[in-house]
PDB file of all heavy atoms in Angstrom:
ATOM      1  N   ALA A   1      -7.216  16.391   0.752  1.00  0.00           N
ATOM      2  CA  ALA A   1      -8.298  16.629   1.823  1.00  0.00           C
ATOM      3  C   ALA A   1      -7.941  16.099   3.096  1.00  0.00           C
ATOM      4  O   ALA A   1      -8.452  16.471   4.118  1.00  0.00           O
ATOM      5  CB  ALA A   1      -9.668  16.154   1.367  1.00  0.00           C
ATOM      6  N   HIS A   2      -7.086  15.018   3.020  1.00  0.00           N
ATOM      7  CA  HIS A   2      -6.727  14.201   4.313  1.00  0.00           C
ATOM      8  C   HIS A   2      -5.765  15.105   5.238  1.00  0.00           C
ATOM      9  O   HIS A   2      -5.827  14.841   6.422  1.00  0.00           O
ATOM     10  CB  HIS A   2      -6.005  12.959   3.901  1.00  0.00           C
ATOM     11  CG  HIS A   2      -5.537  12.118   5.187  1.00  0.00           C
ATOM     12  ND1 HIS A   2      -6.307  11.244   5.726  1.00  0.00           N
ATOM     13  CD2 HIS A   2      -4.286  12.245   5.769  1.00  0.00           C
ATOM     14  CE1 HIS A   2      -5.670  10.627   6.724  1.00  0.00           C
ATOM     15  NE2 HIS A   2      -4.455  11.177   6.788  1.00  0.00           N
ATOM     16  N   PHE A   3      -5.087  16.056   4.596  1.00  0.00           N
ATOM     17  CA  PHE A   3      -4.070  16.809   5.399  1.00  0.00           C
ATOM     18  C   PHE A   3      -4.600  18.180   5.853  1.00  0.00           C
ATOM     19  O   PHE A   3      -3.819  18.994   6.281  1.00  0.00           O
ATOM     20  CB  PHE A   3      -2.932  17.038   4.494  1.00  0.00           C
ATOM     21  CG  PHE A   3      -2.233  15.681   4.049  1.00  0.00           C
ATOM     22  CD1 PHE A   3      -2.461  15.223   2.834  1.00  0.00           C
ATOM     23  CD2 PHE A   3      -1.547  14.955   4.988  1.00  0.00           C
ATOM     24  CE1 PHE A   3      -1.772  13.987   2.412  1.00  0.00           C
ATOM     25  CE2 PHE A   3      -0.964  13.754   4.596  1.00  0.00           C
ATOM     26  CZ  PHE A   3      -1.098  13.194   3.274  1.00  0.00           C
ATOM     27  N   THR A   4      -5.925  18.471   5.690  1.00  0.00           N
ATOM     28  CA  THR A   4      -6.497  19.705   6.260  1.00  0.00           C
ATOM     29  C   THR A   4      -6.408  19.762   7.691  1.00  0.00           C
ATOM     30  O   THR A   4      -6.835  18.738   8.312  1.00  0.00           O
ATOM     31  CB  THR A   4      -7.890  19.870   5.775  1.00  0.00           C
ATOM     32  OG1 THR A   4      -7.933  19.622   4.240  1.00  0.00           O
ATOM     33  CG2 THR A   4      -8.487  21.202   6.047  1.00  0.00           C
ATOM     34  N   SER A   5      -6.021  20.908   8.255  1.00  0.00           N
ATOM     35  CA  SER A   5      -6.077  21.195   9.678  1.00  0.00           C
ATOM     36  C   SER A   5      -6.291  22.539   9.923  1.00  0.00           C
ATOM     37  O   SER A   5      -6.403  23.483   9.026  1.00  0.00           O
ATOM     38  CB  SER A   5      -4.619  20.739  10.237  1.00  0.00           C
ATOM     39  OG  SER A   5      -3.580  21.583   9.839  1.00  0.00           O
ATOM     40  N   SER A   6      -6.359  22.972  11.288  1.00  0.00           N
ATOM     41  CA  SER A   6      -6.609  24.346  11.562  1.00  0.00           C
ATOM     42  C   SER A   6      -5.543  25.290  11.087  1.00  0.00           C
ATOM     43  O   SER A   6      -5.712  26.388  10.827  1.00  0.00           O
ATOM     44  CB  SER A   6      -6.845  24.461  13.083  1.00  0.00           C
ATOM     45  OG  SER A   6      -5.649  24.001  13.714  1.00  0.00           O
ATOM     46  N   THR A   7      -4.291  24.712  11.085  1.00  0.00           N
ATOM     47  CA  THR A   7      -3.126  25.566  10.626  1.00  0.00           C
ATOM     48  C   THR A   7      -2.745  25.330   9.226  1.00  0.00           C
ATOM     49  O   THR A   7      -1.944  26.036   8.650  1.00  0.00           O
ATOM     50  CB  THR A   7      -1.865  25.323  11.524  1.00  0.00           C
ATOM     51  OG1 THR A   7      -1.656  23.801  11.515  1.00  0.00           O
ATOM     52  CG2 THR A   7      -2.322  25.646  13.043  1.00  0.00           C
ATOM     53  N   ARG A   8      -3.319  24.354   8.549  1.00  0.00           N
ATOM     54  CA  ARG A   8      -2.954  24.015   7.099  1.00  0.00           C
ATOM     55  C   ARG A   8      -4.308  23.889   6.426  1.00  0.00           C
ATOM     56  O   ARG A   8      -4.782  22.803   6.272  1.00  0.00           O
ATOM     57  CB  ARG A   8      -2.113  22.778   7.077  1.00  0.00           C
ATOM     58  CG  ARG A   8      -1.615  22.472   5.717  1.00  0.00           C
ATOM     59  CD  ARG A   8      -0.532  21.399   5.759  1.00  0.00           C
ATOM     60  NE  ARG A   8      -0.973  20.236   6.433  1.00  0.00           N
ATOM     61  CZ  ARG A   8      -0.142  19.267   6.833  1.00  0.00           C
ATOM     62  NH1 ARG A   8       1.214  19.352   6.598  1.00  0.00           N
ATOM     63  NH2 ARG A   8      -0.567  18.195   7.484  1.00  0.00           N
ATOM     64  N   GLN A   9      -4.821  24.953   5.846  1.00  0.00           N
ATOM     65  CA  GLN A   9      -6.195  24.915   5.371  1.00  0.00           C
ATOM     66  C   GLN A   9      -6.134  24.716   3.848  1.00  0.00           C
ATOM     67  O   GLN A   9      -7.123  24.401   3.237  1.00  0.00           O
ATOM     68  CB  GLN A   9      -6.875  26.223   5.711  1.00  0.00           C
ATOM     69  CG  GLN A   9      -7.087  26.371   7.141  1.00  0.00           C
ATOM     70  CD  GLN A   9      -7.898  27.670   7.493  1.00  0.00           C
ATOM     71  OE1 GLN A   9      -8.383  28.324   6.652  1.00  0.00           O
ATOM     72  NE2 GLN A   9      -7.994  27.910   8.832  1.00  0.00           N
ATOM     73  N   THR A  10      -5.046  24.958   3.168  1.00  0.00           N
ATOM     74  CA  THR A  10      -5.006  24.668   1.784  1.00  0.00           C
ATOM     75  C   THR A  10      -3.883  23.749   1.419  1.00  0.00           C
ATOM     76  O   THR A  10      -2.899  24.206   0.608  1.00  0.00           O
ATOM     77  CB  THR A  10      -4.935  25.974   0.987  1.00  0.00           C
ATOM     78  OG1 THR A  10      -3.785  26.732   1.417  1.00  0.00           O
ATOM     79  CG2 THR A  10      -6.183  26.823   1.097  1.00  0.00           C
ATOM     80  N   PRO A  11      -3.759  22.550   1.885  1.00  0.00           N
ATOM     81  CA  PRO A  11      -2.651  21.668   1.606  1.00  0.00           C
ATOM     82  C   PRO A  11      -2.583  21.329   0.160  1.00  0.00           C
ATOM     83  O   PRO A  11      -3.514  21.086  -0.473  1.00  0.00           O
ATOM     84  CB  PRO A  11      -2.874  20.496   2.494  1.00  0.00           C
ATOM     85  CG  PRO A  11      -4.246  20.439   2.643  1.00  0.00           C
ATOM     86  CD  PRO A  11      -4.710  21.854   2.702  1.00  0.00           C
ATOM     87  N   LYS A  12      -1.371  21.270  -0.349  1.00  0.00           N
ATOM     88  CA  LYS A  12      -1.121  20.880  -1.673  1.00  0.00           C
ATOM     89  C   LYS A  12      -0.320  19.631  -1.759  1.00  0.00           C
ATOM     90  O   LYS A  12       0.556  19.342  -2.616  1.00  0.00           O
ATOM     91  CB  LYS A  12      -0.464  21.859  -2.559  1.00  0.00           C
ATOM     92  CG  LYS A  12      -1.157  23.269  -2.664  1.00  0.00           C
ATOM     93  CD  LYS A  12      -0.328  24.299  -3.425  1.00  0.00           C
ATOM     94  CE  LYS A  12      -1.146  25.676  -3.541  1.00  0.00           C
ATOM     95  NZ  LYS A  12      -0.425  26.619  -4.242  1.00  0.00           N
ATOM     96  N   ILE A  13      -0.657  18.693  -0.753  1.00  0.00           N
ATOM     97  CA  ILE A  13       0.120  17.458  -0.585  1.00  0.00           C
ATOM     98  C   ILE A  13      -0.764  16.293  -0.955  1.00  0.00           C
ATOM     99  O   ILE A  13      -1.901  16.296  -0.520  1.00  0.00           O
ATOM    100  CB  ILE A  13       0.544  17.285   0.800  1.00  0.00           C
ATOM    101  CG1 ILE A  13       1.559  18.375   1.225  1.00  0.00           C
ATOM    102  CG2 ILE A  13       1.189  15.995   0.951  1.00  0.00           C
ATOM    103  CD1 ILE A  13       1.855  18.464   2.844  1.00  0.00           C
ATOM    104  N   ALA A  14      -0.285  15.384  -1.749  1.00  0.00           N
ATOM    105  CA  ALA A  14      -0.970  14.145  -2.029  1.00  0.00           C
ATOM    106  C   ALA A  14       0.008  13.053  -2.001  1.00  0.00           C
ATOM    107  O   ALA A  14       1.137  13.139  -2.490  1.00  0.00           O
ATOM    108  CB  ALA A  14      -1.816  14.131  -3.299  1.00  0.00           C
ATOM    109  N   GLU A  15      -0.297  11.786  -1.519  1.00  0.00           N
ATOM    110  CA  GLU A  15       0.606  10.751  -1.376  1.00  0.00           C
ATOM    111  C   GLU A  15       0.438   9.796  -2.707  1.00  0.00           C
ATOM    112  O   GLU A  15      -0.549   9.742  -3.230  1.00  0.00           O
ATOM    113  CB  GLU A  15       0.254   9.843  -0.214  1.00  0.00           C
ATOM    114  CG  GLU A  15       0.698  10.615   1.169  1.00  0.00           C
ATOM    115  CD  GLU A  15       0.464   9.652   2.311  1.00  0.00           C
ATOM    116  OE1 GLU A  15      -0.422   8.831   2.257  1.00  0.00           O
ATOM    117  OE2 GLU A  15       1.171   9.781   3.277  1.00  0.00           O
ATOM    118  N   LEU A  16       1.526   9.106  -3.018  1.00  0.00           N
ATOM    119  CA  LEU A  16       1.471   8.097  -4.029  1.00  0.00           C
ATOM    120  C   LEU A  16       0.965   6.742  -3.404  1.00  0.00           C
ATOM    121  O   LEU A  16       1.162   6.554  -2.127  1.00  0.00           O
ATOM    122  CB  LEU A  16       2.956   7.799  -4.570  1.00  0.00           C
ATOM    123  CG  LEU A  16       3.654   8.998  -5.266  1.00  0.00           C
ATOM    124  CD1 LEU A  16       4.970   8.667  -5.647  1.00  0.00           C
ATOM    125  CD2 LEU A  16       2.787   9.526  -6.396  1.00  0.00           C
ATOM    126  N   GLY A  17       0.448   5.994  -4.177  1.00  0.00           N
ATOM    127  CA  GLY A  17       0.038   4.563  -3.705  1.00  0.00           C
ATOM    128  C   GLY A  17       1.175   3.657  -3.549  1.00  0.00           C
ATOM    129  O   GLY A  17       2.181   3.901  -4.197  1.00  0.00           O
ATOM    130  N   GLU A  18       1.203   2.890  -2.487  1.00  0.00           N
ATOM    131  CA  GLU A  18       2.314   1.913  -2.435  1.00  0.00           C
ATOM    132  C   GLU A  18       2.238   0.773  -3.201  1.00  0.00           C
ATOM    133  O   GLU A  18       1.130   0.288  -3.739  1.00  0.00           O
ATOM    134  CB  GLU A  18       2.179   1.315  -0.844  1.00  0.00           C
ATOM    135  CG  GLU A  18       2.694   2.259   0.135  1.00  0.00           C
ATOM    136  CD  GLU A  18       2.866   1.539   1.499  1.00  0.00           C
ATOM    137  OE1 GLU A  18       3.988   0.899   1.646  1.00  0.00           O
ATOM    138  OE2 GLU A  18       2.009   1.496   2.283  1.00  0.00           O
ATOM    139  N   ALA A  19       3.417   0.300  -3.636  1.00  0.00           N
ATOM    140  CA  ALA A  19       3.479  -0.888  -4.429  1.00  0.00           C
ATOM    141  C   ALA A  19       3.055  -2.101  -3.647  1.00  0.00           C
ATOM    142  O   ALA A  19       3.219  -2.172  -2.409  1.00  0.00           O
ATOM    143  CB  ALA A  19       4.925  -1.122  -4.939  1.00  0.00           C
ATOM    144  N   GLY A  20       2.335  -3.041  -4.414  1.00  0.00           N
ATOM    145  CA  GLY A  20       1.985  -4.303  -3.720  1.00  0.00           C
ATOM    146  C   GLY A  20       3.169  -5.182  -3.555  1.00  0.00           C
ATOM    147  O   GLY A  20       4.251  -4.972  -4.138  1.00  0.00           O
ATOM    148  N   GLU A  21       2.997  -6.208  -2.803  1.00  0.00           N
ATOM    149  CA  GLU A  21       4.116  -7.119  -2.579  1.00  0.00           C
ATOM    150  C   GLU A  21       4.430  -7.804  -3.912  1.00  0.00           C
ATOM    151  O   GLU A  21       3.584  -8.178  -4.690  1.00  0.00           O
ATOM    152  CB  GLU A  21       3.696  -8.211  -1.525  1.00  0.00           C
ATOM    153  CG  GLU A  21       3.600  -7.635  -0.053  1.00  0.00           C
ATOM    154  CD  GLU A  21       3.415  -8.677   0.944  1.00  0.00           C
ATOM    155  OE1 GLU A  21       2.384  -9.369   0.868  1.00  0.00           O
ATOM    156  OE2 GLU A  21       4.182  -8.810   1.969  1.00  0.00           O
ATOM    157  N   GLU A  22       5.632  -8.097  -4.125  1.00  0.00           N
ATOM    158  CA  GLU A  22       6.188  -8.768  -5.289  1.00  0.00           C
ATOM    159  C   GLU A  22       7.275  -9.641  -4.991  1.00  0.00           C
ATOM    160  O   GLU A  22       8.295  -9.178  -4.341  1.00  0.00           O
ATOM    161  CB  GLU A  22       6.580  -7.755  -6.403  1.00  0.00           C
ATOM    162  CG  GLU A  22       7.077  -8.288  -7.693  1.00  0.00           C
ATOM    163  CD  GLU A  22       7.557  -7.312  -8.612  1.00  0.00           C
ATOM    164  OE1 GLU A  22       7.022  -6.079  -8.674  1.00  0.00           O
ATOM    165  OE2 GLU A  22       8.441  -7.520  -9.510  1.00  0.00           O
ATOM    166  N   PHE A  23       7.258 -10.856  -5.417  1.00  0.00           N
ATOM    167  CA  PHE A  23       8.355 -11.836  -5.120  1.00  0.00           C
ATOM    168  C   PHE A  23       8.053 -13.108  -5.891  1.00  0.00           C
ATOM    169  O   PHE A  23       7.010 -13.318  -6.439  1.00  0.00           O
ATOM    170  CB  PHE A  23       8.320 -12.197  -3.590  1.00  0.00           C
ATOM    171  CG  PHE A  23       7.176 -12.799  -3.055  1.00  0.00           C
ATOM    172  CD1 PHE A  23       7.017 -14.229  -2.997  1.00  0.00           C
ATOM    173  CD2 PHE A  23       6.160 -12.003  -2.624  1.00  0.00           C
ATOM    174  CE1 PHE A  23       5.841 -14.785  -2.546  1.00  0.00           C
ATOM    175  CE2 PHE A  23       4.974 -12.548  -2.083  1.00  0.00           C
ATOM    176  CZ  PHE A  23       4.740 -13.954  -1.978  1.00  0.00           C
ATOM    177  N   GLU A  24       9.021 -13.979  -6.041  1.00  0.00           N
ATOM    178  CA  GLU A  24       8.893 -15.322  -6.687  1.00  0.00           C
ATOM    179  C   GLU A  24       8.554 -16.316  -5.617  1.00  0.00           C
ATOM    180  O   GLU A  24       9.232 -16.588  -4.734  1.00  0.00           O
ATOM    181  CB  GLU A  24      10.222 -15.665  -7.346  1.00  0.00           C
ATOM    182  CG  GLU A  24      10.152 -17.020  -8.116  1.00  0.00           C
ATOM    183  CD  GLU A  24      11.374 -17.366  -8.748  1.00  0.00           C
ATOM    184  OE1 GLU A  24      12.401 -17.693  -8.027  1.00  0.00           O
ATOM    185  OE2 GLU A  24      11.517 -17.359 -10.051  1.00  0.00           O
ATOM    186  N   ALA A  25       7.280 -16.734  -5.817  1.00  0.00           N
ATOM    187  CA  ALA A  25       6.778 -17.894  -4.855  1.00  0.00           C
ATOM    188  C   ALA A  25       7.132 -19.213  -5.363  1.00  0.00           C
ATOM    189  O   ALA A  25       7.050 -19.529  -6.564  1.00  0.00           O
ATOM    190  CB  ALA A  25       5.242 -17.729  -4.877  1.00  0.00           C
ATOM    191  N   GLU A  26       7.579 -20.010  -4.456  1.00  0.00           N
ATOM    192  CA  GLU A  26       7.923 -21.472  -4.754  1.00  0.00           C
ATOM    193  C   GLU A  26       6.628 -22.309  -4.317  1.00  0.00           C
ATOM    194  O   GLU A  26       6.335 -22.240  -3.091  1.00  0.00           O
ATOM    195  CB  GLU A  26       9.116 -21.835  -3.897  1.00  0.00           C
ATOM    196  CG  GLU A  26      10.360 -20.922  -4.191  1.00  0.00           C
ATOM    197  CD  GLU A  26      11.332 -21.113  -3.093  1.00  0.00           C
ATOM    198  OE1 GLU A  26      11.627 -22.277  -2.651  1.00  0.00           O
ATOM    199  OE2 GLU A  26      11.919 -20.142  -2.689  1.00  0.00           O
ATOM    200  N   LEU A  27       6.043 -22.954  -5.127  1.00  0.00           N
ATOM    201  CA  LEU A  27       4.968 -23.904  -4.905  1.00  0.00           C
ATOM    202  C   LEU A  27       5.371 -25.396  -4.885  1.00  0.00           C
ATOM    203  O   LEU A  27       6.184 -25.788  -5.686  1.00  0.00           O
ATOM    204  CB  LEU A  27       3.967 -23.658  -5.930  1.00  0.00           C
ATOM    205  CG  LEU A  27       3.464 -22.183  -6.293  1.00  0.00           C
ATOM    206  CD1 LEU A  27       2.322 -22.232  -7.315  1.00  0.00           C
ATOM    207  CD2 LEU A  27       3.054 -21.513  -5.055  1.00  0.00           C
ATOM    208  N   GLU A  28       4.952 -26.070  -3.871  1.00  0.00           N
ATOM    209  CA  GLU A  28       5.266 -27.525  -3.648  1.00  0.00           C
ATOM    210  C   GLU A  28       4.007 -28.256  -3.320  1.00  0.00           C
ATOM    211  O   GLU A  28       3.282 -27.847  -2.342  1.00  0.00           O
ATOM    212  CB  GLU A  28       6.283 -27.591  -2.672  1.00  0.00           C
ATOM    213  CG  GLU A  28       6.744 -29.113  -2.392  1.00  0.00           C
ATOM    214  CD  GLU A  28       7.906 -29.101  -1.255  1.00  0.00           C
ATOM    215  OE1 GLU A  28       8.636 -28.208  -1.178  1.00  0.00           O
ATOM    216  OE2 GLU A  28       7.951 -30.172  -0.638  1.00  0.00           O
ATOM    217  N   LEU A  29       3.658 -29.233  -4.155  1.00  0.00           N
ATOM    218  CA  LEU A  29       2.526 -30.005  -3.828  1.00  0.00           C
ATOM    219  C   LEU A  29       2.772 -31.259  -3.058  1.00  0.00           C
ATOM    220  O   LEU A  29       3.754 -32.084  -3.522  1.00  0.00           O
ATOM    221  CB  LEU A  29       1.710 -30.416  -5.201  1.00  0.00           C
ATOM    222  CG  LEU A  29       0.472 -31.279  -5.109  1.00  0.00           C
ATOM    223  CD1 LEU A  29      -0.651 -30.662  -4.208  1.00  0.00           C
ATOM    224  CD2 LEU A  29       0.068 -31.609  -6.464  1.00  0.00           C
ATOM    225  N   LYS A  30       2.181 -31.454  -1.976  1.00  0.00           N
ATOM    226  CA  LYS A  30       2.320 -32.612  -1.130  1.00  0.00           C
ATOM    227  C   LYS A  30       0.823 -33.329  -1.137  1.00  0.00           C
ATOM    228  O   LYS A  30      -0.026 -32.712  -0.375  1.00  0.00           O
ATOM    229  CB  LYS A  30       2.781 -32.393   0.240  1.00  0.00           C
ATOM    230  CG  LYS A  30       4.214 -31.943   0.224  1.00  0.00           C
ATOM    231  CD  LYS A  30       4.647 -31.723   1.689  1.00  0.00           C
ATOM    232  CE  LYS A  30       6.176 -31.245   1.846  1.00  0.00           C
ATOM    233  NZ  LYS A  30       6.549 -31.141   3.176  1.00  0.00           N
ATOM    234  N   LEU A  31       0.759 -34.480  -1.730  1.00  0.00           N
ATOM    235  CA  LEU A  31      -0.633 -35.102  -1.748  1.00  0.00           C
ATOM    236  C   LEU A  31      -1.082 -35.421  -0.374  1.00  0.00           C
ATOM    237  O   LEU A  31      -0.312 -35.798   0.568  1.00  0.00           O
ATOM    238  CB  LEU A  31      -0.500 -36.455  -2.534  1.00  0.00           C
ATOM    239  CG  LEU A  31      -0.129 -36.347  -4.035  1.00  0.00           C
ATOM    240  CD1 LEU A  31      -0.176 -37.610  -4.691  1.00  0.00           C
ATOM    241  CD2 LEU A  31      -1.145 -35.435  -4.796  1.00  0.00           C
ATOM    242  N   LEU A  32      -2.431 -35.272  -0.142  1.00  0.00           N
ATOM    243  CA  LEU A  32      -2.977 -35.636   1.142  1.00  0.00           C
ATOM    244  C   LEU A  32      -3.592 -36.932   1.032  1.00  0.00           C
ATOM    245  O   LEU A  32      -4.558 -37.144   0.327  1.00  0.00           O
ATOM    246  CB  LEU A  32      -4.152 -34.470   1.295  1.00  0.00           C
ATOM    247  CG  LEU A  32      -3.624 -33.095   1.513  1.00  0.00           C
ATOM    248  CD1 LEU A  32      -4.792 -32.101   1.630  1.00  0.00           C
ATOM    249  CD2 LEU A  32      -2.798 -32.929   2.688  1.00  0.00           C
ATOM    250  N   ALA A  33      -2.998 -37.854   1.867  1.00  0.00           N
ATOM    251  CA  ALA A  33      -3.435 -39.137   1.860  1.00  0.00           C
ATOM    252  C   ALA A  33      -3.386 -39.812   3.222  1.00  0.00           C
ATOM    253  O   ALA A  33      -2.596 -39.380   4.157  1.00  0.00           O
ATOM    254  CB  ALA A  33      -2.686 -40.082   0.822  1.00  0.00           C
TER     255      ALA A  33
END
């Protein structure tokens, strides 16, 4: 439905969802004093 226009009234196009961010996070705790 997003791709409907005056020249393209019956689009058969649909997008895939994007992958979310994925990575190895490094956590480091520094005490607050």
